[in-house]
């Protein structure tokens, strides 16, 4: 029987945090002969390789690929794509897990709507996930009619023929935001994207030790170099105008303005936030026209303007003012 879905899981030293992922894959409602799991071990040095080999020996639909450490998740995912035999490929991280019916529901929804990309509803366990995107099902979603750009993590199901037709693969090597580059291009090149919101398909989990890659401090120069590559994708596949501005706004808001606001900014060491500010200023001046910041909320527009105008001291003063704003209730007695 043909394999409907290949689940690709990049693995590196997850320790016990992989167990919830494994358990959720073994609980899937899709019959085991209709999907496969590809664990791509990226040079783990803990007990994980032996654990995965034992798992594969017990379950015929589980395969393990061992490789030397590549430094990030891009290469393991690409290796998984090449080895996948499924009609669709689903990307899962080793410290997250799936809803029990996720693969079955996402596959059927994708086939029904002839989708190249299926985005399943996410729930965060200590991690933020999009809310507005999942308020209802979007069988025919685009970056224009739905807030797809709010969900740039790789945890999607993609049609294998779409990946092969476009040659779409993850950037490789030790780097950040490889998922932004990949998913943004997938959204912009897909014939159809379907968003399934009536069932929680994916649980995005913060480890108790907070060692998830997304929680580690990053090196600003390299990070914003990688961010520019995501912006390049948007500019390559859109025309100048309101839609492009709306898409670029996501990176201005999430990667820059929110980091430079209130207590989040003040919690950083001064030398580190100055380095961040310097890189953000360069990107804003180089890449964002006035229409990008125009769609932000008023307070966030102030932060964006201070970044653009290279006013670091004023930005810190504004953050101190923001951090000091608190609601206050004064009882006045019965009406």
C-alpha atoms as a PDB file:
ATOM      1  CA  UNK A   1       0.000   0.000   0.000  1.00  0.00           C
ATOM      2  CA  UNK A   2       1.416   3.464  -0.853  1.00  0.00           C
ATOM      3  CA  UNK A   3       2.668   5.549   2.052  1.00  0.00           C
ATOM      4  CA  UNK A   4       0.464   8.577   2.594  1.00  0.00           C
ATOM      5  CA  UNK A   5       2.710  10.575   4.920  1.00  0.00           C
ATOM      6  CA  UNK A   6       6.412  10.568   5.746  1.00  0.00           C
ATOM      7  CA  UNK A   7       7.107  12.179   9.118  1.00  0.00           C
ATOM      8  CA  UNK A   8      10.623  13.673   9.243  1.00  0.00           C
ATOM      9  CA  UNK A   9      12.071  14.247  12.704  1.00  0.00           C
ATOM     10  CA  UNK A  10      15.543  15.831  13.000  1.00  0.00           C
ATOM     11  CA  UNK A  11      17.171  14.590  16.185  1.00  0.00           C
ATOM     12  CA  UNK A  12      20.063  15.893  18.231  1.00  0.00           C
ATOM     13  CA  UNK A  13      20.643  14.977  21.887  1.00  0.00           C
ATOM     14  CA  UNK A  14      17.009  15.261  22.995  1.00  0.00           C
ATOM     15  CA  UNK A  15      17.419  12.931  25.974  1.00  0.00           C
ATOM     16  CA  UNK A  16      14.090  12.081  27.590  1.00  0.00           C
ATOM     17  CA  UNK A  17      12.339  14.931  25.773  1.00  0.00           C
ATOM     18  CA  UNK A  18      11.955  12.740  22.692  1.00  0.00           C
ATOM     19  CA  UNK A  19       9.651  10.300  24.480  1.00  0.00           C
ATOM     20  CA  UNK A  20       6.460  12.362  24.126  1.00  0.00           C
ATOM     21  CA  UNK A  21       7.218  12.750  20.426  1.00  0.00           C
ATOM     22  CA  UNK A  22       7.717   8.997  20.006  1.00  0.00           C
ATOM     23  CA  UNK A  23       4.582   8.153  21.968  1.00  0.00           C
ATOM     24  CA  UNK A  24       2.454  10.529  19.895  1.00  0.00           C
ATOM     25  CA  UNK A  25       3.736   8.995  16.656  1.00  0.00           C
ATOM     26  CA  UNK A  26       2.915   5.504  17.888  1.00  0.00           C
ATOM     27  CA  UNK A  27      -0.612   6.619  18.843  1.00  0.00           C
ATOM     28  CA  UNK A  28      -1.509   8.010  15.417  1.00  0.00           C
ATOM     29  CA  UNK A  29      -4.954   7.050  14.118  1.00  0.00           C
ATOM     30  CA  UNK A  30      -3.519   6.682  10.618  1.00  0.00           C
ATOM     31  CA  UNK A  31      -2.690   2.966  10.241  1.00  0.00           C
ATOM     32  CA  UNK A  32       1.037   2.183  10.541  1.00  0.00           C
ATOM     33  CA  UNK A  33       1.145   0.789   7.009  1.00  0.00           C
ATOM     34  CA  UNK A  34      -0.031   4.155   5.657  1.00  0.00           C
ATOM     35  CA  UNK A  35       2.707   6.354   7.110  1.00  0.00           C
ATOM     36  CA  UNK A  36       6.388   6.189   7.980  1.00  0.00           C
ATOM     37  CA  UNK A  37       8.574   7.976  10.500  1.00  0.00           C
ATOM     38  CA  UNK A  38      12.090   9.032   9.534  1.00  0.00           C
ATOM     39  CA  UNK A  39      14.262   9.963  12.491  1.00  0.00           C
ATOM     40  CA  UNK A  40      17.368  11.711  11.140  1.00  0.00           C
ATOM     41  CA  UNK A  41      19.953  11.566  13.906  1.00  0.00           C
ATOM     42  CA  UNK A  42      22.303  14.512  13.440  1.00  0.00           C
ATOM     43  CA  UNK A  43      25.288  13.075  15.290  1.00  0.00           C
ATOM     44  CA  UNK A  44      23.724  12.726  18.722  1.00  0.00           C
ATOM     45  CA  UNK A  45      26.177  11.958  21.515  1.00  0.00           C
ATOM     46  CA  UNK A  46      23.648  10.859  24.136  1.00  0.00           C
ATOM     47  CA  UNK A  47      21.758   7.553  24.315  1.00  0.00           C
ATOM     48  CA  UNK A  48      19.331   8.595  21.574  1.00  0.00           C
ATOM     49  CA  UNK A  49      20.885   6.692  18.627  1.00  0.00           C
ATOM     50  CA  UNK A  50      20.524   3.345  20.427  1.00  0.00           C
ATOM     51  CA  UNK A  51      17.016   4.262  21.560  1.00  0.00           C
ATOM     52  CA  UNK A  52      15.965   5.017  17.984  1.00  0.00           C
ATOM     53  CA  UNK A  53      17.574   1.885  16.558  1.00  0.00           C
ATOM     54  CA  UNK A  54      15.678  -0.247  19.076  1.00  0.00           C
ATOM     55  CA  UNK A  55      12.467   1.556  18.181  1.00  0.00           C
ATOM     56  CA  UNK A  56      12.996   0.924  14.458  1.00  0.00           C
ATOM     57  CA  UNK A  57      13.698  -2.764  15.110  1.00  0.00           C
ATOM     58  CA  UNK A  58      10.336  -3.035  16.857  1.00  0.00           C
ATOM     59  CA  UNK A  59       8.228  -0.983  14.407  1.00  0.00           C
ATOM     60  CA  UNK A  60       8.573  -1.614  10.651  1.00  0.00           C
ATOM     61  CA  UNK A  61       7.204   1.829   9.736  1.00  0.00           C
ATOM     62  CA  UNK A  62      10.011   3.606  11.634  1.00  0.00           C
ATOM     63  CA  UNK A  63      13.395   4.199  10.019  1.00  0.00           C
ATOM     64  CA  UNK A  64      16.523   5.838  11.425  1.00  0.00           C
ATOM     65  CA  UNK A  65      19.202   7.651   9.439  1.00  0.00           C
ATOM     66  CA  UNK A  66      22.458   8.442  11.249  1.00  0.00           C
ATOM     67  CA  UNK A  67      24.746  11.220  10.015  1.00  0.00           C
ATOM     68  CA  UNK A  68      27.576  13.400  11.274  1.00  0.00           C
ATOM     69  CA  UNK A  69      26.509  16.529  13.092  1.00  0.00           C
ATOM     70  CA  UNK A  70      25.638  19.332  10.676  1.00  0.00           C
ATOM     71  CA  UNK A  71      25.107  22.061  13.244  1.00  0.00           C
ATOM     72  CA  UNK A  72      21.416  22.804  12.702  1.00  0.00           C
ATOM     73  CA  UNK A  73      18.112  21.296  11.548  1.00  0.00           C
ATOM     74  CA  UNK A  74      18.207  22.170   7.839  1.00  0.00           C
ATOM     75  CA  UNK A  75      20.361  19.306   6.602  1.00  0.00           C
ATOM     76  CA  UNK A  76      18.581  16.571   8.626  1.00  0.00           C
ATOM     77  CA  UNK A  77      15.238  17.739   7.253  1.00  0.00           C
ATOM     78  CA  UNK A  78      16.593  17.736   3.695  1.00  0.00           C
ATOM     79  CA  UNK A  79      18.008  14.239   4.179  1.00  0.00           C
ATOM     80  CA  UNK A  80      14.570  13.192   5.392  1.00  0.00           C
ATOM     81  CA  UNK A  81      12.892  14.694   2.319  1.00  0.00           C
ATOM     82  CA  UNK A  82      15.194  12.749   0.001  1.00  0.00           C
ATOM     83  CA  UNK A  83      14.519   9.492   1.847  1.00  0.00           C
ATOM     84  CA  UNK A  84      10.756  10.034   2.167  1.00  0.00           C
ATOM     85  CA  UNK A  85       8.412   7.693   0.305  1.00  0.00           C
ATOM     86  CA  UNK A  86       5.170   9.427   1.251  1.00  0.00           C
ATOM     87  CA  UNK A  87       2.750  11.445  -0.821  1.00  0.00           C
ATOM     88  CA  UNK A  88       3.165  14.163   1.816  1.00  0.00           C
ATOM     89  CA  UNK A  89       6.043  15.067   4.143  1.00  0.00           C
ATOM     90  CA  UNK A  90       5.360  16.247   7.705  1.00  0.00           C
ATOM     91  CA  UNK A  91       8.049  17.965   9.789  1.00  0.00           C
ATOM     92  CA  UNK A  92       8.083  17.388  13.553  1.00  0.00           C
ATOM     93  CA  UNK A  93      10.731  18.492  16.059  1.00  0.00           C
ATOM     94  CA  UNK A  94      12.065  15.934  18.513  1.00  0.00           C
ATOM     95  CA  UNK A  95      10.861  17.761  21.614  1.00  0.00           C
ATOM     96  CA  UNK A  96       7.319  18.426  20.319  1.00  0.00           C
ATOM     97  CA  UNK A  97       4.441  16.015  19.719  1.00  0.00           C
ATOM     98  CA  UNK A  98       1.346  15.488  17.585  1.00  0.00           C
ATOM     99  CA  UNK A  99      -2.345  15.165  18.344  1.00  0.00           C
ATOM    100  CA  UNK A 100      -3.427  11.536  18.027  1.00  0.00           C
ATOM    101  CA  UNK A 101      -5.397  12.136  14.815  1.00  0.00           C
ATOM    102  CA  UNK A 102      -3.093  14.768  13.331  1.00  0.00           C
ATOM    103  CA  UNK A 103      -1.663  12.835  10.399  1.00  0.00           C
ATOM    104  CA  UNK A 104      -4.994  11.345   9.355  1.00  0.00           C
ATOM    105  CA  UNK A 105      -6.877  14.629   9.551  1.00  0.00           C
ATOM    106  CA  UNK A 106      -4.199  16.728   7.871  1.00  0.00           C
ATOM    107  CA  UNK A 107      -3.727  14.212   5.066  1.00  0.00           C
ATOM    108  CA  UNK A 108      -7.451  13.941   4.317  1.00  0.00           C
ATOM    109  CA  UNK A 109      -7.865  17.721   4.475  1.00  0.00           C
ATOM    110  CA  UNK A 110      -4.960  18.216   2.106  1.00  0.00           C
ATOM    111  CA  UNK A 111      -6.255  15.692  -0.416  1.00  0.00           C
ATOM    112  CA  UNK A 112      -9.785  17.108  -0.221  1.00  0.00           C
ATOM    113  CA  UNK A 113      -8.549  20.636  -0.958  1.00  0.00           C
ATOM    114  CA  UNK A 114      -5.722  19.722  -3.354  1.00  0.00           C
ATOM    115  CA  UNK A 115      -3.296  21.530  -1.058  1.00  0.00           C
ATOM    116  CA  UNK A 116       0.461  21.719  -1.473  1.00  0.00           C
ATOM    117  CA  UNK A 117       0.837  22.880   2.138  1.00  0.00           C
ATOM    118  CA  UNK A 118      -1.338  21.925   5.115  1.00  0.00           C
ATOM    119  CA  UNK A 119      -1.031  23.957   8.315  1.00  0.00           C
ATOM    120  CA  UNK A 120      -2.490  22.161  11.334  1.00  0.00           C
ATOM    121  CA  UNK A 121      -3.683  23.971  14.426  1.00  0.00           C
ATOM    122  CA  UNK A 122      -0.950  24.437  17.003  1.00  0.00           C
ATOM    123  CA  UNK A 123      -1.065  24.608  20.782  1.00  0.00           C
ATOM    124  CA  UNK A 124       1.803  26.032  22.793  1.00  0.00           C
ATOM    125  CA  UNK A 125       3.114  24.511  26.003  1.00  0.00           C
ATOM    126  CA  UNK A 126       5.186  27.374  27.353  1.00  0.00           C
ATOM    127  CA  UNK A 127       5.727  28.665  23.796  1.00  0.00           C
ATOM    128  CA  UNK A 128       3.705  31.233  21.828  1.00  0.00           C
ATOM    129  CA  UNK A 129       1.752  30.018  18.818  1.00  0.00           C
ATOM    130  CA  UNK A 130      -0.473  31.896  16.347  1.00  0.00           C
ATOM    131  CA  UNK A 131      -4.041  32.517  17.490  1.00  0.00           C
ATOM    132  CA  UNK A 132      -5.779  34.500  14.754  1.00  0.00           C
ATOM    133  CA  UNK A 133      -4.727  32.056  12.036  1.00  0.00           C
ATOM    134  CA  UNK A 134      -6.523  29.182  13.734  1.00  0.00           C
ATOM    135  CA  UNK A 135      -9.869  30.806  14.531  1.00  0.00           C
ATOM    136  CA  UNK A 136     -11.492  28.901  11.662  1.00  0.00           C
ATOM    137  CA  UNK A 137     -10.626  26.491   8.876  1.00  0.00           C
ATOM    138  CA  UNK A 138      -9.132  28.060   5.735  1.00  0.00           C
ATOM    139  CA  UNK A 139      -9.352  25.454   2.962  1.00  0.00           C
ATOM    140  CA  UNK A 140      -7.996  27.943   0.406  1.00  0.00           C
ATOM    141  CA  UNK A 141      -5.620  30.214   2.294  1.00  0.00           C
ATOM    142  CA  UNK A 142      -3.147  32.696   0.855  1.00  0.00           C
ATOM    143  CA  UNK A 143      -0.784  35.205   2.418  1.00  0.00           C
ATOM    144  CA  UNK A 144      -3.336  37.834   1.391  1.00  0.00           C
ATOM    145  CA  UNK A 145      -6.589  36.374   2.741  1.00  0.00           C
ATOM    146  CA  UNK A 146      -5.264  34.694   5.919  1.00  0.00           C
ATOM    147  CA  UNK A 147      -2.497  35.498   8.450  1.00  0.00           C
ATOM    148  CA  UNK A 148      -0.292  32.658   7.225  1.00  0.00           C
ATOM    149  CA  UNK A 149       2.806  34.749   7.744  1.00  0.00           C
ATOM    150  CA  UNK A 150       2.219  34.477  11.513  1.00  0.00           C
ATOM    151  CA  UNK A 151       3.186  30.789  11.316  1.00  0.00           C
ATOM    152  CA  UNK A 152       6.734  30.326  10.024  1.00  0.00           C
ATOM    153  CA  UNK A 153       7.823  27.292  12.034  1.00  0.00           C
ATOM    154  CA  UNK A 154       8.467  24.192   9.883  1.00  0.00           C
ATOM    155  CA  UNK A 155       5.791  22.057  11.508  1.00  0.00           C
ATOM    156  CA  UNK A 156       3.659  21.682   8.397  1.00  0.00           C
ATOM    157  CA  UNK A 157       2.681  18.930   5.962  1.00  0.00           C
ATOM    158  CA  UNK A 158       3.820  19.489   2.365  1.00  0.00           C
ATOM    159  CA  UNK A 159       3.084  17.566  -0.793  1.00  0.00           C
ATOM    160  CA  UNK A 160       6.194  15.701  -1.925  1.00  0.00           C
ATOM    161  CA  UNK A 161       5.574  16.444  -5.611  1.00  0.00           C
ATOM    162  CA  UNK A 162       5.424  20.170  -4.748  1.00  0.00           C
ATOM    163  CA  UNK A 163       8.812  19.963  -3.021  1.00  0.00           C
ATOM    164  CA  UNK A 164      10.301  18.185  -6.016  1.00  0.00           C
ATOM    165  CA  UNK A 165       8.678  20.434  -8.614  1.00  0.00           C
ATOM    166  CA  UNK A 166       9.938  23.619  -6.944  1.00  0.00           C
ATOM    167  CA  UNK A 167      13.219  22.179  -5.665  1.00  0.00           C
ATOM    168  CA  UNK A 168      12.304  23.655  -2.278  1.00  0.00           C
ATOM    169  CA  UNK A 169      14.717  22.643   0.483  1.00  0.00           C
ATOM    170  CA  UNK A 170      15.898  24.049   3.800  1.00  0.00           C
ATOM    171  CA  UNK A 171      19.062  26.172   3.973  1.00  0.00           C
ATOM    172  CA  UNK A 172      21.768  24.069   5.635  1.00  0.00           C
ATOM    173  CA  UNK A 173      24.559  24.586   8.128  1.00  0.00           C
ATOM    174  CA  UNK A 174      24.841  26.322  11.507  1.00  0.00           C
ATOM    175  CA  UNK A 175      22.374  29.161  11.023  1.00  0.00           C
ATOM    176  CA  UNK A 176      19.105  30.656  12.232  1.00  0.00           C
ATOM    177  CA  UNK A 177      15.718  31.163  10.602  1.00  0.00           C
ATOM    178  CA  UNK A 178      16.110  28.396   8.034  1.00  0.00           C
ATOM    179  CA  UNK A 179      12.440  27.605   8.643  1.00  0.00           C
ATOM    180  CA  UNK A 180      11.411  31.189   7.791  1.00  0.00           C
ATOM    181  CA  UNK A 181      13.142  30.963   4.414  1.00  0.00           C
ATOM    182  CA  UNK A 182      11.608  27.575   3.640  1.00  0.00           C
ATOM    183  CA  UNK A 183       8.041  28.209   4.821  1.00  0.00           C
ATOM    184  CA  UNK A 184       7.761  31.721   3.369  1.00  0.00           C
ATOM    185  CA  UNK A 185       8.722  30.370  -0.039  1.00  0.00           C
ATOM    186  CA  UNK A 186       6.334  27.441   0.348  1.00  0.00           C
ATOM    187  CA  UNK A 187       3.427  29.800   1.058  1.00  0.00           C
ATOM    188  CA  UNK A 188       4.287  32.041  -1.881  1.00  0.00           C
ATOM    189  CA  UNK A 189       4.792  29.246  -4.424  1.00  0.00           C
ATOM    190  CA  UNK A 190       2.072  26.773  -3.427  1.00  0.00           C
ATOM    191  CA  UNK A 191      -0.971  26.327  -5.660  1.00  0.00           C
ATOM    192  CA  UNK A 192      -3.010  26.056  -2.481  1.00  0.00           C
ATOM    193  CA  UNK A 193      -2.426  26.232   1.280  1.00  0.00           C
ATOM    194  CA  UNK A 194      -5.034  24.732   3.613  1.00  0.00           C
ATOM    195  CA  UNK A 195      -5.293  25.617   7.304  1.00  0.00           C
ATOM    196  CA  UNK A 196      -6.955  23.017   9.544  1.00  0.00           C
ATOM    197  CA  UNK A 197      -8.166  24.708  12.726  1.00  0.00           C
ATOM    198  CA  UNK A 198     -10.835  22.417  14.192  1.00  0.00           C
ATOM    199  CA  UNK A 199      -8.367  19.970  15.753  1.00  0.00           C
ATOM    200  CA  UNK A 200      -5.081  20.552  17.587  1.00  0.00           C
ATOM    201  CA  UNK A 201      -2.539  18.820  15.388  1.00  0.00           C
ATOM    202  CA  UNK A 202       0.758  20.027  16.815  1.00  0.00           C
ATOM    203  CA  UNK A 203       1.958  20.698  20.363  1.00  0.00           C
ATOM    204  CA  UNK A 204       4.885  23.137  20.427  1.00  0.00           C
ATOM    205  CA  UNK A 205       6.695  22.495  23.714  1.00  0.00           C
ATOM    206  CA  UNK A 206       9.141  24.503  25.787  1.00  0.00           C
ATOM    207  CA  UNK A 207      11.542  22.167  27.559  1.00  0.00           C
ATOM    208  CA  UNK A 208      11.761  22.403  31.310  1.00  0.00           C
ATOM    209  CA  UNK A 209      15.478  23.101  30.874  1.00  0.00           C
ATOM    210  CA  UNK A 210      14.638  25.842  28.301  1.00  0.00           C
ATOM    211  CA  UNK A 211      17.258  24.376  25.937  1.00  0.00           C
ATOM    212  CA  UNK A 212      15.098  24.615  22.813  1.00  0.00           C
ATOM    213  CA  UNK A 213      17.058  26.334  20.065  1.00  0.00           C
ATOM    214  CA  UNK A 214      14.572  29.208  19.910  1.00  0.00           C
ATOM    215  CA  UNK A 215      15.317  30.198  23.510  1.00  0.00           C
ATOM    216  CA  UNK A 216      19.085  30.550  23.138  1.00  0.00           C
ATOM    217  CA  UNK A 217      20.801  33.921  22.804  1.00  0.00           C
ATOM    218  CA  UNK A 218      21.889  34.471  19.220  1.00  0.00           C
ATOM    219  CA  UNK A 219      24.763  36.314  17.571  1.00  0.00           C
ATOM    220  CA  UNK A 220      23.159  39.434  16.053  1.00  0.00           C
ATOM    221  CA  UNK A 221      25.231  39.854  12.886  1.00  0.00           C
ATOM    222  CA  UNK A 222      24.640  36.290  11.709  1.00  0.00           C
ATOM    223  CA  UNK A 223      21.020  36.302  12.820  1.00  0.00           C
ATOM    224  CA  UNK A 224      20.074  39.387  10.833  1.00  0.00           C
ATOM    225  CA  UNK A 225      22.057  38.174   7.849  1.00  0.00           C
ATOM    226  CA  UNK A 226      19.844  35.078   7.883  1.00  0.00           C
ATOM    227  CA  UNK A 227      16.757  37.245   8.409  1.00  0.00           C
ATOM    228  CA  UNK A 228      17.584  39.167   5.230  1.00  0.00           C
ATOM    229  CA  UNK A 229      17.381  35.867   3.329  1.00  0.00           C
ATOM    230  CA  UNK A 230      13.740  35.502   4.412  1.00  0.00           C
ATOM    231  CA  UNK A 231      13.071  39.060   3.278  1.00  0.00           C
ATOM    232  CA  UNK A 232      14.705  38.188  -0.053  1.00  0.00           C
ATOM    233  CA  UNK A 233      12.124  35.422  -0.543  1.00  0.00           C
ATOM    234  CA  UNK A 234       9.227  37.808   0.023  1.00  0.00           C
ATOM    235  CA  UNK A 235      10.682  40.354  -2.376  1.00  0.00           C
ATOM    236  CA  UNK A 236      11.359  37.679  -5.003  1.00  0.00           C
ATOM    237  CA  UNK A 237       7.768  36.455  -5.111  1.00  0.00           C
ATOM    238  CA  UNK A 238       5.758  39.632  -4.500  1.00  0.00           C
ATOM    239  CA  UNK A 239       5.459  43.043  -6.116  1.00  0.00           C
ATOM    240  CA  UNK A 240       6.070  46.310  -4.223  1.00  0.00           C
ATOM    241  CA  UNK A 241       2.898  47.463  -2.523  1.00  0.00           C
ATOM    242  CA  UNK A 242       0.542  46.800   0.405  1.00  0.00           C
ATOM    243  CA  UNK A 243       0.806  42.985   0.336  1.00  0.00           C
ATOM    244  CA  UNK A 244       4.597  43.007   0.430  1.00  0.00           C
ATOM    245  CA  UNK A 245       4.531  45.620   3.200  1.00  0.00           C
ATOM    246  CA  UNK A 246       2.126  43.451   5.207  1.00  0.00           C
ATOM    247  CA  UNK A 247       4.366  40.414   4.906  1.00  0.00           C
ATOM    248  CA  UNK A 248       7.568  42.278   5.750  1.00  0.00           C
ATOM    249  CA  UNK A 249       5.807  43.800   8.755  1.00  0.00           C
ATOM    250  CA  UNK A 250       5.886  40.394  10.436  1.00  0.00           C
ATOM    251  CA  UNK A 251       9.699  40.491  10.714  1.00  0.00           C
ATOM    252  CA  UNK A 252       9.753  44.128  11.795  1.00  0.00           C
ATOM    253  CA  UNK A 253       7.177  43.458  14.504  1.00  0.00           C
ATOM    254  CA  UNK A 254       8.311  40.079  15.858  1.00  0.00           C
ATOM    255  CA  UNK A 255      12.066  40.076  15.297  1.00  0.00           C
ATOM    256  CA  UNK A 256      12.774  43.725  16.006  1.00  0.00           C
ATOM    257  CA  UNK A 257      10.106  45.892  17.619  1.00  0.00           C
ATOM    258  CA  UNK A 258       8.966  43.333  20.199  1.00  0.00           C
ATOM    259  CA  UNK A 259      12.562  42.610  21.202  1.00  0.00           C
ATOM    260  CA  UNK A 260      13.217  46.339  21.641  1.00  0.00           C
ATOM    261  CA  UNK A 261      10.160  47.042  23.802  1.00  0.00           C
ATOM    262  CA  UNK A 262       9.544  47.432  27.525  1.00  0.00           C
ATOM    263  CA  UNK A 263      10.853  44.898  30.013  1.00  0.00           C
ATOM    264  CA  UNK A 264      12.092  42.586  27.286  1.00  0.00           C
ATOM    265  CA  UNK A 265      14.624  45.200  26.180  1.00  0.00           C
ATOM    266  CA  UNK A 266      15.553  46.243  29.703  1.00  0.00           C
ATOM    267  CA  UNK A 267      16.306  42.647  30.726  1.00  0.00           C
ATOM    268  CA  UNK A 268      19.183  42.446  28.233  1.00  0.00           C
ATOM    269  CA  UNK A 269      22.755  43.516  29.053  1.00  0.00           C
ATOM    270  CA  UNK A 270      23.439  46.926  27.571  1.00  0.00           C
ATOM    271  CA  UNK A 271      26.254  45.792  25.276  1.00  0.00           C
ATOM    272  CA  UNK A 272      24.109  43.020  23.786  1.00  0.00           C
ATOM    273  CA  UNK A 273      21.070  45.213  23.181  1.00  0.00           C
ATOM    274  CA  UNK A 274      23.285  47.854  21.576  1.00  0.00           C
ATOM    275  CA  UNK A 275      24.599  45.223  19.169  1.00  0.00           C
ATOM    276  CA  UNK A 276      21.048  44.077  18.411  1.00  0.00           C
ATOM    277  CA  UNK A 277      19.949  47.653  17.884  1.00  0.00           C
ATOM    278  CA  UNK A 278      22.797  48.325  15.462  1.00  0.00           C
ATOM    279  CA  UNK A 279      21.873  45.338  13.290  1.00  0.00           C
ATOM    280  CA  UNK A 280      18.148  46.119  13.400  1.00  0.00           C
ATOM    281  CA  UNK A 281      18.756  49.717  12.398  1.00  0.00           C
ATOM    282  CA  UNK A 282      20.700  48.561   9.336  1.00  0.00           C
ATOM    283  CA  UNK A 283      17.931  46.194   8.222  1.00  0.00           C
ATOM    284  CA  UNK A 284      15.149  48.734   8.757  1.00  0.00           C
ATOM    285  CA  UNK A 285      16.946  51.409   6.763  1.00  0.00           C
ATOM    286  CA  UNK A 286      17.985  49.015   3.979  1.00  0.00           C
ATOM    287  CA  UNK A 287      14.840  46.978   3.526  1.00  0.00           C
ATOM    288  CA  UNK A 288      11.672  48.540   4.956  1.00  0.00           C
ATOM    289  CA  UNK A 289       9.794  51.372   3.289  1.00  0.00           C
ATOM    290  CA  UNK A 290       7.347  53.587   5.215  1.00  0.00           C
ATOM    291  CA  UNK A 291       4.403  51.292   4.476  1.00  0.00           C
ATOM    292  CA  UNK A 292       5.876  48.479   6.564  1.00  0.00           C
ATOM    293  CA  UNK A 293       5.786  50.272   9.931  1.00  0.00           C
ATOM    294  CA  UNK A 294       2.552  52.089   9.077  1.00  0.00           C
ATOM    295  CA  UNK A 295       0.459  49.011   9.912  1.00  0.00           C
ATOM    296  CA  UNK A 296       1.838  48.599  13.428  1.00  0.00           C
ATOM    297  CA  UNK A 297      -0.031  49.607  16.563  1.00  0.00           C
ATOM    298  CA  UNK A 298       0.776  53.168  17.672  1.00  0.00           C
ATOM    299  CA  UNK A 299       3.182  52.278  20.473  1.00  0.00           C
ATOM    300  CA  UNK A 300       5.018  49.839  18.230  1.00  0.00           C
ATOM    301  CA  UNK A 301       5.308  52.494  15.525  1.00  0.00           C
ATOM    302  CA  UNK A 302       7.177  54.646  18.036  1.00  0.00           C
ATOM    303  CA  UNK A 303       9.689  51.844  18.651  1.00  0.00           C
ATOM    304  CA  UNK A 304      10.081  51.235  14.907  1.00  0.00           C
ATOM    305  CA  UNK A 305      10.704  54.942  14.314  1.00  0.00           C
ATOM    306  CA  UNK A 306      13.348  55.101  17.051  1.00  0.00           C
ATOM    307  CA  UNK A 307      15.128  52.104  15.515  1.00  0.00           C
ATOM    308  CA  UNK A 308      15.013  53.661  12.056  1.00  0.00           C
ATOM    309  CA  UNK A 309      16.268  57.023  13.307  1.00  0.00           C
ATOM    310  CA  UNK A 310      19.144  55.432  15.255  1.00  0.00           C
ATOM    311  CA  UNK A 311      17.973  56.847  18.582  1.00  0.00           C
ATOM    312  CA  UNK A 312      19.168  54.188  21.006  1.00  0.00           C
ATOM    313  CA  UNK A 313      19.082  56.271  24.187  1.00  0.00           C
ATOM    314  CA  UNK A 314      15.538  57.428  23.425  1.00  0.00           C
ATOM    315  CA  UNK A 315      14.531  53.807  22.774  1.00  0.00           C
ATOM    316  CA  UNK A 316      15.783  52.778  26.212  1.00  0.00           C
ATOM    317  CA  UNK A 317      13.989  55.729  27.817  1.00  0.00           C
ATOM    318  CA  UNK A 318      10.768  54.758  26.038  1.00  0.00           C
ATOM    319  CA  UNK A 319      11.163  51.153  27.227  1.00  0.00           C
ATOM    320  CA  UNK A 320      11.598  52.386  30.808  1.00  0.00           C
ATOM    321  CA  UNK A 321       8.432  54.443  30.456  1.00  0.00           C
ATOM    322  CA  UNK A 322       6.561  51.427  29.003  1.00  0.00           C
ATOM    323  CA  UNK A 323       7.757  49.181  31.831  1.00  0.00           C
ATOM    324  CA  UNK A 324       6.469  51.678  34.378  1.00  0.00           C
ATOM    325  CA  UNK A 325       2.942  51.863  32.981  1.00  0.00           C
ATOM    326  CA  UNK A 326       0.544  49.864  35.163  1.00  0.00           C
ATOM    327  CA  UNK A 327      -3.221  49.758  35.433  1.00  0.00           C
ATOM    328  CA  UNK A 328      -4.567  51.176  38.676  1.00  0.00           C
ATOM    329  CA  UNK A 329      -8.031  50.736  40.123  1.00  0.00           C
ATOM    330  CA  UNK A 330      -9.452  53.232  42.611  1.00  0.00           C
ATOM    331  CA  UNK A 331     -12.621  52.174  44.472  1.00  0.00           C
ATOM    332  CA  UNK A 332     -15.195  54.946  44.550  1.00  0.00           C
ATOM    333  CA  UNK A 333     -17.994  53.219  46.473  1.00  0.00           C
ATOM    334  CA  UNK A 334     -21.414  52.095  45.263  1.00  0.00           C
ATOM    335  CA  UNK A 335     -23.049  54.071  42.408  1.00  0.00           C
END
